[in-house]
Protein backbone atom coordinates (compact mmCIF):
# COMPACT_ATOMS: atom_id res chain seq x y z
CA MET A 1 135.67 48.53 83.40
CA ASN A 2 134.38 45.09 84.05
CA ILE A 3 136.78 42.52 85.57
CA ARG A 4 135.19 39.77 83.47
CA PHE A 5 135.94 41.74 80.31
CA TRP A 6 139.64 42.06 81.18
CA GLY A 7 139.84 38.36 82.09
CA LYS A 8 138.36 37.35 78.73
CA PHE A 9 140.56 39.88 76.92
CA ARG A 10 143.70 38.57 78.63
CA THR A 11 142.77 34.96 77.80
CA ALA A 12 142.17 35.86 74.16
CA ALA A 13 145.45 37.79 74.00
CA VAL A 14 147.43 34.87 75.48
CA ALA A 15 145.77 32.45 73.04
CA ALA A 16 146.65 34.74 70.11
CA VAL A 17 150.28 34.99 71.21
CA ILE A 18 150.52 31.18 71.53
CA LEU A 19 149.02 30.69 68.06
CA ILE A 20 151.39 33.22 66.49
CA ALA A 21 154.40 31.63 68.21
CA ALA A 22 153.35 28.14 67.10
CA ALA A 23 152.89 29.32 63.50
CA ALA A 24 156.32 30.96 63.55
CA VAL A 25 158.00 27.79 64.83
CA LEU A 26 156.24 25.63 62.26
CA SER A 27 157.08 27.98 59.39
CA MET A 28 160.77 27.87 60.35
CA ARG A 29 160.71 24.08 60.01
CA GLN A 30 158.93 23.96 56.68
CA GLY A 31 161.08 23.96 53.58
CA TRP A 32 163.22 21.79 51.33
CA TYR A 33 165.11 18.81 52.75
CA LEU A 34 167.44 16.11 51.52
CA THR A 35 165.40 13.07 52.51
CA LEU A 36 166.58 9.50 53.04
CA ARG A 37 164.00 6.70 52.96
CA ASN A 38 163.93 2.93 52.81
CA ALA A 39 163.70 2.23 49.07
CA GLY A 40 161.25 -0.62 49.58
CA THR A 41 158.94 0.59 52.34
CA GLY A 42 159.30 4.37 52.20
CA GLN A 43 160.19 4.50 55.91
CA LEU A 44 161.80 7.85 56.72
CA TYR A 45 165.40 7.46 57.92
CA GLY A 46 166.27 11.13 58.08
CA ARG A 47 165.92 14.53 56.51
CA TYR A 48 168.43 17.34 56.37
CA ARG A 49 167.83 21.00 55.55
CA ILE A 50 169.71 21.77 52.36
CA SER A 51 169.30 24.64 49.90
CA GLU A 52 169.57 25.17 46.17
CA GLY A 53 173.24 25.14 45.18
CA ASP A 54 174.32 23.14 48.24
CA GLY A 55 176.10 19.86 47.78
CA PHE A 56 176.47 16.53 49.48
CA SER A 57 178.56 13.44 48.90
CA VAL A 58 178.39 9.72 49.58
CA GLY A 59 181.64 7.87 50.15
CA PHE A 60 182.25 4.15 50.50
CA VAL A 61 184.82 1.43 49.83
CA HIS A 62 184.09 -0.28 46.52
CA SER A 63 183.00 -3.87 47.07
CA VAL A 64 185.08 -5.31 44.20
CA ASN A 65 188.32 -3.33 44.00
CA LYS A 66 188.36 -2.41 47.72
CA SER A 67 189.33 1.22 47.12
CA PRO A 68 187.50 4.40 48.22
CA VAL A 69 184.86 5.96 45.98
CA THR A 70 183.08 9.26 46.61
CA ASP A 71 180.13 10.49 44.57
CA PHE A 72 179.35 14.24 44.68
CA TYR A 73 175.89 15.72 44.18
CA GLU A 74 174.37 19.20 43.97
CA ILE A 75 170.83 20.47 44.50
CA LYS A 76 169.60 22.31 41.38
CA ASP A 77 166.08 23.13 40.23
CA HIS A 78 164.67 21.28 43.29
CA ALA A 79 166.35 18.05 42.21
CA ILE A 80 169.52 16.04 42.88
CA TYR A 81 172.22 16.16 40.21
CA VAL A 82 175.38 14.03 40.14
CA GLU A 83 178.40 16.23 39.45
CA LYS A 84 181.54 14.12 39.86
CA THR A 85 183.00 10.87 41.16
CA VAL A 86 186.37 10.43 42.83
CA TYR A 87 187.99 7.00 42.97
CA TYR A 88 191.40 5.36 43.34
CA GLY A 89 191.32 2.15 41.33
CA PHE A 90 189.70 0.58 38.29
CA GLY A 91 187.45 -2.43 38.64
CA ALA A 92 184.01 -3.79 37.95
CA GLY A 93 181.36 -1.13 38.53
CA VAL A 94 183.77 1.80 38.22
CA GLN A 95 183.61 4.06 35.18
CA THR A 96 186.34 3.29 32.64
CA GLU A 97 185.20 5.39 29.67
CA LEU A 98 184.26 9.06 29.47
CA GLU A 99 181.00 10.21 27.95
CA ASP A 100 180.36 13.50 26.13
CA GLY A 101 181.06 16.49 28.38
CA GLN A 102 182.93 14.48 31.02
CA THR A 103 186.57 14.99 31.95
CA LEU A 104 189.14 12.94 33.81
CA SER A 105 191.66 14.63 36.05
CA TYR A 106 194.01 13.41 38.75
CA GLY A 107 194.21 14.62 42.33
CA GLU A 108 197.44 15.19 44.23
CA ASP A 109 196.66 12.08 46.26
CA GLY A 110 196.53 9.89 43.14
CA SER A 111 192.75 9.96 42.88
CA MET A 112 190.95 9.86 39.56
CA ILE A 113 188.24 12.51 39.26
CA VAL A 114 185.55 12.14 36.64
CA SER A 115 183.51 15.33 36.40
CA GLY A 116 181.04 16.97 34.05
CA PHE A 117 178.12 14.61 34.67
CA ASP A 118 175.49 17.27 35.48
CA GLN A 119 172.87 14.53 35.35
CA LYS A 120 169.53 14.62 37.19
CA MET A 121 169.10 11.63 39.48
CA ASN A 122 165.42 10.68 39.54
CA ASP A 123 166.12 7.52 41.50
CA LEU A 124 169.27 7.86 43.61
CA THR A 125 169.56 4.69 45.67
CA TYR A 126 172.48 3.21 47.60
CA PHE A 127 172.78 -0.26 49.05
CA VAL A 128 174.47 0.12 52.44
CA GLY A 129 176.81 -2.84 52.66
CA THR A 130 177.83 -5.03 55.52
CA VAL A 131 181.58 -4.85 54.96
CA SER A 132 182.11 -1.11 54.62
CA ASP A 133 180.04 1.84 55.70
CA HIS A 134 178.64 4.53 53.46
CA THR A 135 179.23 8.04 54.76
CA MET A 136 177.18 10.99 53.65
CA LYS A 137 178.61 14.48 53.99
CA ILE A 138 176.44 17.56 53.70
CA ARG A 139 178.25 20.71 52.58
CA GLU A 140 181.42 18.75 53.46
CA ASP A 141 181.07 19.70 57.12
CA ARG A 142 178.73 17.08 58.56
CA ALA A 143 179.46 13.34 58.24
CA ILE A 144 176.62 10.85 58.71
CA SER A 145 177.10 7.08 58.82
CA LEU A 146 174.40 5.50 56.67
CA ARG A 147 175.01 2.16 58.38
CA ASP A 148 174.25 3.74 61.77
CA LEU A 149 171.27 5.69 60.41
CA CYS A 150 169.67 3.05 58.19
CA GLY A 151 171.21 -0.30 59.15
CA ARG A 152 173.25 -2.88 57.28
CA ASN A 153 171.92 -4.15 53.97
CA SER A 154 169.50 -1.23 53.65
CA ARG A 155 168.51 0.16 50.29
CA VAL A 156 168.45 3.90 50.85
CA ARG A 157 166.66 6.23 48.46
CA PHE A 158 167.67 9.91 48.37
CA SER A 159 165.25 12.62 47.29
CA TYR A 160 164.80 16.37 47.64
CA GLU A 161 161.40 17.02 49.20
CA HIS A 162 159.42 19.97 50.46
CA PHE A 163 157.89 19.49 53.90
CA TRP A 164 154.89 21.42 55.18
CA ILE A 165 155.53 20.53 58.79
């Protein structure tokens, strides 16, 4: 056999292996992500792999009544749905009346839990304050400071997006 033939064959084989490996790596990164962007500019702050049925929460200290509030969300039908809110004191901006399908229960720690929202959030935006931080938890096992990620006084828009990386 010709040495040139084997050299060309080996080069082609190496190139094919590199292309297959690159495609495999890229396909592992493509998929659905919880995405955080600047609500005004669209600048990407971060994206986190999250699947249908997974949940996340955003907790903060309420600016008026100075008590903790945590909003819980779930990914359903490739969208973000609010499921419940947990808070510890009444005040301006905190729900005081139940709507159809919602329930109020009390936690052992004295928290008030309003559940039964099951409402699609087409425009989920938080204003990250300067006094208290907003903390996002994904699947309740990973805490992310929105102040550290996005900066003080940022308007952060949450969405569920598919990336073709």
